[in-house]
PDB file of all heavy atoms in Angstrom:
ATOM      1  N   TYR A   1       0.886  -1.161   0.000  1.00  0.00           N
ATOM      2  CA  TYR A   1       0.000   0.000   0.000  1.00  0.00           C
ATOM      3  C   TYR A   1       0.927   1.215   0.000  1.00  0.00           C
ATOM      4  O   TYR A   1       1.256   1.764   1.058  1.00  0.00           O
ATOM      5  CB  TYR A   1      -0.890  -0.019   1.227  1.00  0.00           C
ATOM      6  CG  TYR A   1      -2.017   1.004   1.230  1.00  0.00           C
ATOM      7  CD1 TYR A   1      -2.965   1.008   2.253  1.00  0.00           C
ATOM      8  CD2 TYR A   1      -2.154   1.967   0.229  1.00  0.00           C
ATOM      9  CE1 TYR A   1      -4.009   1.925   2.274  1.00  0.00           C
ATOM     10  CE2 TYR A   1      -3.183   2.884   0.235  1.00  0.00           C
ATOM     11  CZ  TYR A   1      -4.114   2.856   1.262  1.00  0.00           C
ATOM     12  OH  TYR A   1      -5.142   3.779   1.271  1.00  0.00           O
ATOM     13  N   PRO A   2       1.392   1.651  -1.172  1.00  0.00           N
ATOM     14  CA  PRO A   2       2.434   2.690  -1.248  1.00  0.00           C
ATOM     15  C   PRO A   2       2.089   3.972  -0.510  1.00  0.00           C
ATOM     16  O   PRO A   2       2.948   4.570   0.145  1.00  0.00           O
ATOM     17  CB  PRO A   2       2.571   2.928  -2.761  1.00  0.00           C
ATOM     18  CG  PRO A   2       2.127   1.648  -3.384  1.00  0.00           C
ATOM     19  CD  PRO A   2       1.012   1.153  -2.508  1.00  0.00           C
ATOM     20  N   ALA A   3       0.834   4.394  -0.588  1.00  0.00           N
ATOM     21  CA  ALA A   3       0.457   5.668   0.024  1.00  0.00           C
ATOM     22  C   ALA A   3       0.588   5.645   1.546  1.00  0.00           C
ATOM     23  O   ALA A   3       0.773   6.691   2.172  1.00  0.00           O
ATOM     24  CB  ALA A   3      -0.975   6.034  -0.362  1.00  0.00           C
ATOM     25  N   MET A   4       0.507   4.449   2.138  1.00  0.00           N
ATOM     26  CA  MET A   4       0.577   4.319   3.597  1.00  0.00           C
ATOM     27  C   MET A   4       1.882   3.683   4.063  1.00  0.00           C
ATOM     28  O   MET A   4       2.103   3.555   5.268  1.00  0.00           O
ATOM     29  CB  MET A   4      -0.597   3.480   4.101  1.00  0.00           C
ATOM     30  CG  MET A   4      -1.965   4.077   3.803  1.00  0.00           C
ATOM     31  SD  MET A   4      -2.215   5.688   4.607  1.00  0.00           S
ATOM     32  CE  MET A   4      -2.416   5.176   6.297  1.00  0.00           C
ATOM     33  N   GLY A   5       2.741   3.278   3.134  1.00  0.00           N
ATOM     34  CA  GLY A   5       3.990   2.628   3.526  1.00  0.00           C
ATOM     35  C   GLY A   5       3.764   1.274   4.185  1.00  0.00           C
ATOM     36  O   GLY A   5       4.574   0.829   4.996  1.00  0.00           O
ATOM     37  N   SER A   6       2.672   0.603   3.837  1.00  0.00           N
ATOM     38  CA  SER A   6       2.298  -0.670   4.459  1.00  0.00           C
ATOM     39  C   SER A   6       2.517  -1.824   3.485  1.00  0.00           C
ATOM     40  O   SER A   6       2.536  -1.633   2.268  1.00  0.00           O
ATOM     41  CB  SER A   6       0.828  -0.640   4.890  1.00  0.00           C
ATOM     42  OG  SER A   6       0.575   0.428   5.778  1.00  0.00           O
ATOM     43  N   TYR A   7       2.669  -3.034   4.030  1.00  0.00           N
ATOM     44  CA  TYR A   7       2.792  -4.199   3.141  1.00  0.00           C
ATOM     45  C   TYR A   7       2.353  -5.485   3.825  1.00  0.00           C
ATOM     46  O   TYR A   7       2.275  -5.577   5.048  1.00  0.00           O
ATOM     47  CB  TYR A   7       4.215  -4.354   2.612  1.00  0.00           C
ATOM     48  CG  TYR A   7       5.294  -4.611   3.641  1.00  0.00           C
ATOM     49  CD1 TYR A   7       5.400  -5.826   4.321  1.00  0.00           C
ATOM     50  CD2 TYR A   7       6.256  -3.635   3.928  1.00  0.00           C
ATOM     51  CE1 TYR A   7       6.393  -6.067   5.255  1.00  0.00           C
ATOM     52  CE2 TYR A   7       7.257  -3.855   4.849  1.00  0.00           C
ATOM     53  CZ  TYR A   7       7.326  -5.075   5.506  1.00  0.00           C
ATOM     54  OH  TYR A   7       8.322  -5.311   6.430  1.00  0.00           O
ATOM     55  N   TYR A   8       2.085  -6.467   2.981  1.00  0.00           N
ATOM     56  CA  TYR A   8       1.824  -7.859   3.376  1.00  0.00           C
ATOM     57  C   TYR A   8       2.945  -8.685   2.774  1.00  0.00           C
ATOM     58  O   TYR A   8       3.257  -8.543   1.589  1.00  0.00           O
ATOM     59  CB  TYR A   8       0.477  -8.306   2.804  1.00  0.00           C
ATOM     60  CG  TYR A   8       0.118  -9.764   3.045  1.00  0.00           C
ATOM     61  CD1 TYR A   8      -0.936 -10.100   3.881  1.00  0.00           C
ATOM     62  CD2 TYR A   8       0.798 -10.795   2.408  1.00  0.00           C
ATOM     63  CE1 TYR A   8      -1.289 -11.429   4.092  1.00  0.00           C
ATOM     64  CE2 TYR A   8       0.463 -12.122   2.620  1.00  0.00           C
ATOM     65  CZ  TYR A   8      -0.587 -12.442   3.453  1.00  0.00           C
ATOM     66  OH  TYR A   8      -0.922 -13.748   3.660  1.00  0.00           O
ATOM     67  N   ARG A   9       3.550  -9.565   3.556  1.00  0.00           N
ATOM     68  CA  ARG A   9       4.594 -10.439   3.022  1.00  0.00           C
ATOM     69  C   ARG A   9       4.482 -11.821   3.636  1.00  0.00           C
ATOM     70  O   ARG A   9       3.834 -12.012   4.670  1.00  0.00           O
ATOM     71  CB  ARG A   9       5.991  -9.880   3.266  1.00  0.00           C
ATOM     72  CG  ARG A   9       6.367  -9.701   4.711  1.00  0.00           C
ATOM     73  CD  ARG A   9       7.851  -9.417   4.900  1.00  0.00           C
ATOM     74  NE  ARG A   9       8.652 -10.598   4.636  1.00  0.00           N
ATOM     75  CZ  ARG A   9       9.928 -10.738   5.059  1.00  0.00           C
ATOM     76  NH1 ARG A   9      10.516  -9.758   5.705  1.00  0.00           N
ATOM     77  NH2 ARG A   9      10.595 -11.838   4.804  1.00  0.00           N
ATOM     78  N   VAL A  10       5.125 -12.780   2.983  1.00  0.00           N
ATOM     79  CA  VAL A  10       5.057 -14.182   3.380  1.00  0.00           C
ATOM     80  C   VAL A  10       6.290 -14.571   4.176  1.00  0.00           C
ATOM     81  O   VAL A  10       7.410 -14.172   3.846  1.00  0.00           O
ATOM     82  CB  VAL A  10       4.913 -15.075   2.127  1.00  0.00           C
ATOM     83  CG1 VAL A  10       5.189 -16.532   2.455  1.00  0.00           C
ATOM     84  CG2 VAL A  10       3.522 -14.923   1.533  1.00  0.00           C
ATOM     85  N   LEU A  11       6.075 -15.363   5.244  1.00  0.00           N
ATOM     86  CA  LEU A  11       7.160 -15.948   6.029  1.00  0.00           C
ATOM     87  C   LEU A  11       6.948 -17.452   6.088  1.00  0.00           C
ATOM     88  O   LEU A  11       5.827 -17.918   6.249  1.00  0.00           O
ATOM     89  CB  LEU A  11       7.160 -15.404   7.459  1.00  0.00           C
ATOM     90  CG  LEU A  11       7.383 -13.917   7.677  1.00  0.00           C
ATOM     91  CD1 LEU A  11       7.169 -13.585   9.159  1.00  0.00           C
ATOM     92  CD2 LEU A  11       8.787 -13.514   7.258  1.00  0.00           C
ATOM     93  N   ALA A  12       8.035 -18.216   5.973  1.00  0.00           N
ATOM     94  CA  ALA A  12       7.930 -19.675   6.036  1.00  0.00           C
ATOM     95  C   ALA A  12       8.910 -20.230   7.048  1.00  0.00           C
ATOM     96  O   ALA A  12      10.067 -19.818   7.104  1.00  0.00           O
ATOM     97  CB  ALA A  12       8.195 -20.298   4.665  1.00  0.00           C
ATOM     98  N   GLY A  13       8.432 -21.182   7.863  1.00  0.00           N
ATOM     99  CA  GLY A  13       9.277 -21.778   8.888  1.00  0.00           C
ATOM    100  C   GLY A  13      10.500 -22.458   8.337  1.00  0.00           C
ATOM    101  O   GLY A  13      11.556 -22.480   8.955  1.00  0.00           O
ATOM    102  N   GLU A  14      10.404 -23.023   7.133  1.00  0.00           N
ATOM    103  CA  GLU A  14      11.534 -23.714   6.538  1.00  0.00           C
ATOM    104  C   GLU A  14      12.692 -22.764   6.237  1.00  0.00           C
ATOM    105  O   GLU A  14      13.855 -23.168   6.214  1.00  0.00           O
ATOM    106  CB  GLU A  14      11.108 -24.403   5.243  1.00  0.00           C
ATOM    107  CG  GLU A  14      10.632 -23.435   4.175  1.00  0.00           C
ATOM    108  CD  GLU A  14      10.164 -24.127   2.902  1.00  0.00           C
ATOM    109  OE1 GLU A  14      10.219 -25.367   2.864  1.00  0.00           O
ATOM    110  OE2 GLU A  14       9.726 -23.428   1.973  1.00  0.00           O
ATOM    111  N   LYS A  15      12.359 -21.485   6.029  1.00  0.00           N
ATOM    112  CA  LYS A  15      13.395 -20.499   5.733  1.00  0.00           C
ATOM    113  C   LYS A  15      13.774 -19.670   6.953  1.00  0.00           C
ATOM    114  O   LYS A  15      14.743 -18.926   6.927  1.00  0.00           O
ATOM    115  CB  LYS A  15      12.917 -19.566   4.612  1.00  0.00           C
ATOM    116  CG  LYS A  15      12.739 -20.265   3.274  1.00  0.00           C
ATOM    117  CD  LYS A  15      12.322 -19.277   2.205  1.00  0.00           C
ATOM    118  CE  LYS A  15      12.175 -19.957   0.848  1.00  0.00           C
ATOM    119  NZ  LYS A  15      11.753 -18.997  -0.215  1.00  0.00           N
ATOM    120  N   HIS A  16      12.975 -19.788   7.997  1.00  0.00           N
ATOM    121  CA  HIS A  16      13.224 -19.009   9.211  1.00  0.00           C
ATOM    122  C   HIS A  16      13.238 -19.946  10.420  1.00  0.00           C
ATOM    123  O   HIS A  16      12.633 -19.664  11.447  1.00  0.00           O
ATOM    124  CB  HIS A  16      12.168 -17.922   9.394  1.00  0.00           C
ATOM    125  CG  HIS A  16      12.077 -16.961   8.253  1.00  0.00           C
ATOM    126  ND1 HIS A  16      11.258 -17.198   7.168  1.00  0.00           N
ATOM    127  CD2 HIS A  16      12.690 -15.778   8.021  1.00  0.00           C
ATOM    128  CE1 HIS A  16      11.371 -16.186   6.318  1.00  0.00           C
ATOM    129  NE2 HIS A  16      12.235 -15.322   6.816  1.00  0.00           N
ATOM    130  N   ALA A  17      13.946 -21.055  10.264  1.00  0.00           N
ATOM    131  CA  ALA A  17      13.927 -22.096  11.296  1.00  0.00           C
ATOM    132  C   ALA A  17      14.481 -21.607  12.628  1.00  0.00           C
ATOM    133  O   ALA A  17      14.134 -22.126  13.688  1.00  0.00           O
ATOM    134  CB  ALA A  17      14.710 -23.313  10.815  1.00  0.00           C
ATOM    135  N   GLU A  18      15.337 -20.616  12.590  1.00  0.00           N
ATOM    136  CA  GLU A  18      15.919 -20.094  13.824  1.00  0.00           C
ATOM    137  C   GLU A  18      15.101 -18.963  14.414  1.00  0.00           C
ATOM    138  O   GLU A  18      15.551 -18.273  15.322  1.00  0.00           O
ATOM    139  CB  GLU A  18      17.362 -19.622  13.552  1.00  0.00           C
ATOM    140  CG  GLU A  18      18.300 -20.741  13.133  1.00  0.00           C
ATOM    141  CD  GLU A  18      18.317 -21.880  14.138  1.00  0.00           C
ATOM    142  OE1 GLU A  18      18.412 -21.598  15.352  1.00  0.00           O
ATOM    143  OE2 GLU A  18      18.215 -23.039  13.718  1.00  0.00           O
ATOM    144  N   GLY A  19      13.908 -18.783  13.868  1.00  0.00           N
ATOM    145  CA  GLY A  19      13.061 -17.720  14.384  1.00  0.00           C
ATOM    146  C   GLY A  19      13.179 -16.456  13.561  1.00  0.00           C
ATOM    147  O   GLY A  19      13.993 -16.353  12.646  1.00  0.00           O
ATOM    148  N   VAL A  20      12.364 -15.489  13.884  1.00  0.00           N
ATOM    149  CA  VAL A  20      12.335 -14.222  13.167  1.00  0.00           C
ATOM    150  C   VAL A  20      12.571 -13.106  14.168  1.00  0.00           C
ATOM    151  O   VAL A  20      11.849 -12.972  15.146  1.00  0.00           O
ATOM    152  CB  VAL A  20      10.974 -14.016  12.468  1.00  0.00           C
ATOM    153  CG1 VAL A  20      10.965 -12.700  11.711  1.00  0.00           C
ATOM    154  CG2 VAL A  20      10.684 -15.178  11.530  1.00  0.00           C
ATOM    155  N   GLU A  21      13.578 -12.323  13.904  1.00  0.00           N
ATOM    156  CA  GLU A  21      13.921 -11.237  14.820  1.00  0.00           C
ATOM    157  C   GLU A  21      13.632  -9.892  14.164  1.00  0.00           C
ATOM    158  O   GLU A  21      13.737  -9.732  12.965  1.00  0.00           O
ATOM    159  CB  GLU A  21      15.408 -11.316  15.200  1.00  0.00           C
ATOM    160  CG  GLU A  21      15.822 -12.645  15.824  1.00  0.00           C
ATOM    161  CD  GLU A  21      15.119 -12.934  17.142  1.00  0.00           C
ATOM    162  OE1 GLU A  21      14.723 -11.963  17.813  1.00  0.00           O
ATOM    163  OE2 GLU A  21      14.975 -14.117  17.486  1.00  0.00           O
ATOM    164  N   GLY A  22      13.261  -8.943  14.971  1.00  0.00           N
ATOM    165  CA  GLY A  22      13.118  -7.577  14.492  1.00  0.00           C
ATOM    166  C   GLY A  22      11.822  -7.247  13.793  1.00  0.00           C
ATOM    167  O   GLY A  22      11.678  -6.146  13.255  1.00  0.00           O
ATOM    168  N   LEU A  23      10.854  -8.165  13.792  1.00  0.00           N
ATOM    169  CA  LEU A  23       9.573  -7.853  13.168  1.00  0.00           C
ATOM    170  C   LEU A  23       8.778  -6.900  14.051  1.00  0.00           C
ATOM    171  O   LEU A  23       8.856  -6.947  15.268  1.00  0.00           O
ATOM    172  CB  LEU A  23       8.754  -9.122  12.940  1.00  0.00           C
ATOM    173  CG  LEU A  23       9.287 -10.159  11.955  1.00  0.00           C
ATOM    174  CD1 LEU A  23       8.266 -11.270  11.791  1.00  0.00           C
ATOM    175  CD2 LEU A  23       9.606  -9.532  10.608  1.00  0.00           C
ATOM    176  N   ASN A  24       7.993  -6.062  13.402  1.00  0.00           N
ATOM    177  CA  ASN A  24       7.102  -5.148  14.118  1.00  0.00           C
ATOM    178  C   ASN A  24       5.716  -5.321  13.511  1.00  0.00           C
ATOM    179  O   ASN A  24       5.225  -4.472  12.770  1.00  0.00           O
ATOM    180  CB  ASN A  24       7.607  -3.711  13.980  1.00  0.00           C
ATOM    181  CG  ASN A  24       6.806  -2.744  14.823  1.00  0.00           C
ATOM    182  OD1 ASN A  24       6.041  -3.133  15.699  1.00  0.00           O
ATOM    183  ND2 ASN A  24       6.964  -1.459  14.556  1.00  0.00           N
ATOM    184  N   ALA A  25       5.096  -6.443  13.808  1.00  0.00           N
ATOM    185  CA  ALA A  25       3.908  -6.893  13.090  1.00  0.00           C
ATOM    186  C   ALA A  25       2.627  -6.250  13.582  1.00  0.00           C
ATOM    187  O   ALA A  25       2.400  -6.126  14.787  1.00  0.00           O
ATOM    188  CB  ALA A  25       3.789  -8.412  13.185  1.00  0.00           C
ATOM    189  N   SER A  26       1.782  -5.875  12.642  1.00  0.00           N
ATOM    190  CA  SER A  26       0.419  -5.466  12.961  1.00  0.00           C
ATOM    191  C   SER A  26      -0.478  -6.690  13.037  1.00  0.00           C
ATOM    192  O   SER A  26      -1.343  -6.789  13.909  1.00  0.00           O
ATOM    193  CB  SER A  26      -0.124  -4.525  11.883  1.00  0.00           C
ATOM    194  OG  SER A  26       0.752  -3.473  11.611  1.00  0.00           O
ATOM    195  N   LEU A  27      -0.264  -7.619  12.108  1.00  0.00           N
ATOM    196  CA  LEU A  27      -1.089  -8.816  12.001  1.00  0.00           C
ATOM    197  C   LEU A  27      -0.248  -9.965  11.465  1.00  0.00           C
ATOM    198  O   LEU A  27       0.487  -9.789  10.492  1.00  0.00           O
ATOM    199  CB  LEU A  27      -2.268  -8.561  11.049  1.00  0.00           C
ATOM    200  CG  LEU A  27      -3.103  -9.773  10.615  1.00  0.00           C
ATOM    201  CD1 LEU A  27      -3.855 -10.369  11.799  1.00  0.00           C
ATOM    202  CD2 LEU A  27      -4.078  -9.375   9.505  1.00  0.00           C
ATOM    203  N   ILE A  28      -0.340 -11.126  12.120  1.00  0.00           N
ATOM    204  CA  ILE A  28       0.285 -12.348  11.626  1.00  0.00           C
ATOM    205  C   ILE A  28      -0.812 -13.386  11.433  1.00  0.00           C
ATOM    206  O   ILE A  28      -1.568 -13.678  12.359  1.00  0.00           O
ATOM    207  CB  ILE A  28       1.353 -12.874  12.593  1.00  0.00           C
ATOM    208  CG1 ILE A  28       2.505 -11.872  12.711  1.00  0.00           C
ATOM    209  CG2 ILE A  28       1.885 -14.237  12.115  1.00  0.00           C
ATOM    210  CD1 ILE A  28       3.525 -12.239  13.769  1.00  0.00           C
ATOM    211  N   LEU A  29      -0.881 -13.919  10.233  1.00  0.00           N
ATOM    212  CA  LEU A  29      -1.832 -14.983   9.907  1.00  0.00           C
ATOM    213  C   LEU A  29      -1.040 -16.269   9.773  1.00  0.00           C
ATOM    214  O   LEU A  29      -0.337 -16.473   8.786  1.00  0.00           O
ATOM    215  CB  LEU A  29      -2.565 -14.650   8.597  1.00  0.00           C
ATOM    216  CG  LEU A  29      -3.367 -13.352   8.601  1.00  0.00           C
ATOM    217  CD1 LEU A  29      -3.715 -12.919   7.181  1.00  0.00           C
ATOM    218  CD2 LEU A  29      -4.624 -13.499   9.440  1.00  0.00           C
ATOM    219  N   PHE A  30      -1.122 -17.132  10.786  1.00  0.00           N
ATOM    220  CA  PHE A  30      -0.317 -18.358  10.824  1.00  0.00           C
ATOM    221  C   PHE A  30      -1.186 -19.517  10.346  1.00  0.00           C
ATOM    222  O   PHE A  30      -2.075 -19.979  11.045  1.00  0.00           O
ATOM    223  CB  PHE A  30       0.195 -18.613  12.246  1.00  0.00           C
ATOM    224  CG  PHE A  30       1.419 -19.479  12.297  1.00  0.00           C
ATOM    225  CD1 PHE A  30       2.602 -19.007  12.834  1.00  0.00           C
ATOM    226  CD2 PHE A  30       1.393 -20.773  11.804  1.00  0.00           C
ATOM    227  CE1 PHE A  30       3.731 -19.794  12.882  1.00  0.00           C
ATOM    228  CE2 PHE A  30       2.516 -21.574  11.834  1.00  0.00           C
ATOM    229  CZ  PHE A  30       3.694 -21.082  12.377  1.00  0.00           C
ATOM    230  N   ASP A  31      -0.896 -20.015   9.140  1.00  0.00           N
ATOM    231  CA  ASP A  31      -1.738 -21.023   8.509  1.00  0.00           C
ATOM    232  C   ASP A  31      -1.292 -22.436   8.860  1.00  0.00           C
ATOM    233  O   ASP A  31      -0.096 -22.718   8.935  1.00  0.00           O
ATOM    234  CB  ASP A  31      -1.713 -20.841   6.990  1.00  0.00           C
ATOM    235  CG  ASP A  31      -2.880 -21.523   6.303  1.00  0.00           C
ATOM    236  OD1 ASP A  31      -3.847 -21.908   6.999  1.00  0.00           O
ATOM    237  OD2 ASP A  31      -2.832 -21.668   5.068  1.00  0.00           O
ATOM    238  N   GLU A  32      -2.273 -23.330   9.048  1.00  0.00           N
ATOM    239  CA  GLU A  32      -2.045 -24.745   9.358  1.00  0.00           C
ATOM    240  C   GLU A  32      -1.013 -24.909  10.471  1.00  0.00           C
ATOM    241  O   GLU A  32      -0.027 -25.628  10.352  1.00  0.00           O
ATOM    242  CB  GLU A  32      -1.612 -25.506   8.093  1.00  0.00           C
ATOM    243  CG  GLU A  32      -2.644 -25.482   6.974  1.00  0.00           C
ATOM    244  CD  GLU A  32      -3.941 -26.221   7.300  1.00  0.00           C
ATOM    245  OE1 GLU A  32      -4.184 -26.533   8.481  1.00  0.00           O
ATOM    246  OE2 GLU A  32      -4.722 -26.464   6.375  1.00  0.00           O
ATOM    247  N   VAL A  33      -1.277 -24.243  11.574  1.00  0.00           N
ATOM    248  CA  VAL A  33      -0.326 -24.222  12.689  1.00  0.00           C
ATOM    249  C   VAL A  33      -0.091 -25.620  13.256  1.00  0.00           C
ATOM    250  O   VAL A  33       0.970 -25.894  13.842  1.00  0.00           O
ATOM    251  CB  VAL A  33      -0.820 -23.245  13.785  1.00  0.00           C
ATOM    252  CG1 VAL A  33      -2.085 -23.768  14.437  1.00  0.00           C
ATOM    253  CG2 VAL A  33       0.262 -22.967  14.816  1.00  0.00           C
ATOM    254  N   HIS A  34      -1.033 -26.548  13.019  1.00  0.00           N
ATOM    255  CA  HIS A  34      -0.903 -27.881  13.628  1.00  0.00           C
ATOM    256  C   HIS A  34       0.248 -28.696  13.036  1.00  0.00           C
ATOM    257  O   HIS A  34       0.680 -29.676  13.646  1.00  0.00           O
ATOM    258  CB  HIS A  34      -2.221 -28.657  13.480  1.00  0.00           C
ATOM    259  CG  HIS A  34      -2.517 -29.087  12.092  1.00  0.00           C
ATOM    260  ND1 HIS A  34      -3.093 -28.244  11.173  1.00  0.00           N
ATOM    261  CD2 HIS A  34      -2.336 -30.272  11.456  1.00  0.00           C
ATOM    262  CE1 HIS A  34      -3.256 -28.885  10.035  1.00  0.00           C
ATOM    263  NE2 HIS A  34      -2.800 -30.112  10.170  1.00  0.00           N
ATOM    264  N   VAL A  35       0.751 -28.342  11.850  1.00  0.00           N
ATOM    265  CA  VAL A  35       1.844 -29.112  11.252  1.00  0.00           C
ATOM    266  C   VAL A  35       3.216 -28.558  11.638  1.00  0.00           C
ATOM    267  O   VAL A  35       4.243 -29.122  11.251  1.00  0.00           O
ATOM    268  CB  VAL A  35       1.726 -29.172   9.718  1.00  0.00           C
ATOM    269  CG1 VAL A  35       0.397 -29.779   9.310  1.00  0.00           C
ATOM    270  CG2 VAL A  35       1.897 -27.791   9.099  1.00  0.00           C
ATOM    271  N   GLN A  36       3.237 -27.472  12.392  1.00  0.00           N
ATOM    272  CA  GLN A  36       4.504 -26.893  12.816  1.00  0.00           C
ATOM    273  C   GLN A  36       5.129 -27.798  13.880  1.00  0.00           C
ATOM    274  O   GLN A  36       4.555 -27.992  14.952  1.00  0.00           O
ATOM    275  CB  GLN A  36       4.281 -25.484  13.382  1.00  0.00           C
ATOM    276  CG  GLN A  36       5.540 -24.679  13.599  1.00  0.00           C
ATOM    277  CD  GLN A  36       6.139 -24.194  12.300  1.00  0.00           C
ATOM    278  OE1 GLN A  36       5.441 -23.969  11.334  1.00  0.00           O
ATOM    279  NE2 GLN A  36       7.444 -24.034  12.277  1.00  0.00           N
ATOM    280  N   LYS A  37       6.306 -28.356  13.603  1.00  0.00           N
ATOM    281  CA  LYS A  37       6.919 -29.315  14.517  1.00  0.00           C
ATOM    282  C   LYS A  37       7.650 -28.642  15.680  1.00  0.00           C
ATOM    283  O   LYS A  37       7.598 -29.096  16.811  1.00  0.00           O
ATOM    284  CB  LYS A  37       7.896 -30.210  13.747  1.00  0.00           C
ATOM    285  CG  LYS A  37       7.242 -31.010  12.621  1.00  0.00           C
ATOM    286  CD  LYS A  37       6.177 -31.949  13.151  1.00  0.00           C
ATOM    287  CE  LYS A  37       5.556 -32.771  12.036  1.00  0.00           C
ATOM    288  NZ  LYS A  37       4.485 -33.661  12.516  1.00  0.00           N
ATOM    289  N   SER A  38       8.356 -27.578  15.372  1.00  0.00           N
ATOM    290  CA  SER A  38       9.122 -26.875  16.398  1.00  0.00           C
ATOM    291  C   SER A  38       8.387 -25.630  16.853  1.00  0.00           C
ATOM    292  O   SER A  38       7.702 -24.975  16.061  1.00  0.00           O
ATOM    293  CB  SER A  38      10.496 -26.470  15.848  1.00  0.00           C
ATOM    294  OG  SER A  38      11.138 -25.555  16.719  1.00  0.00           O
ATOM    295  N   ARG A  39       8.524 -25.285  18.126  1.00  0.00           N
ATOM    296  CA  ARG A  39       7.896 -24.071  18.646  1.00  0.00           C
ATOM    297  C   ARG A  39       8.708 -22.823  18.337  1.00  0.00           C
ATOM    298  O   ARG A  39       8.212 -21.705  18.513  1.00  0.00           O
ATOM    299  CB  ARG A  39       7.728 -24.179  20.161  1.00  0.00           C
ATOM    300  CG  ARG A  39       6.710 -25.197  20.636  1.00  0.00           C
ATOM    301  CD  ARG A  39       6.294 -24.900  22.071  1.00  0.00           C
ATOM    302  NE  ARG A  39       5.640 -23.610  22.140  1.00  0.00           N
ATOM    303  CZ  ARG A  39       4.323 -23.433  22.037  1.00  0.00           C
ATOM    304  NH1 ARG A  39       3.532 -24.464  21.865  1.00  0.00           N
ATOM    305  NH2 ARG A  39       3.798 -22.229  22.115  1.00  0.00           N
TER     306      ARG A  39
END
């Protein structure tokens, strides 16, 4: 949303296995959470 400096982006556990640092999230939509093996 260029006028507001906002965005939606995708995160995947396979690429962020060590966790995600520095996010300042308004909303996180975590899909199929039951298949996530690690906390």
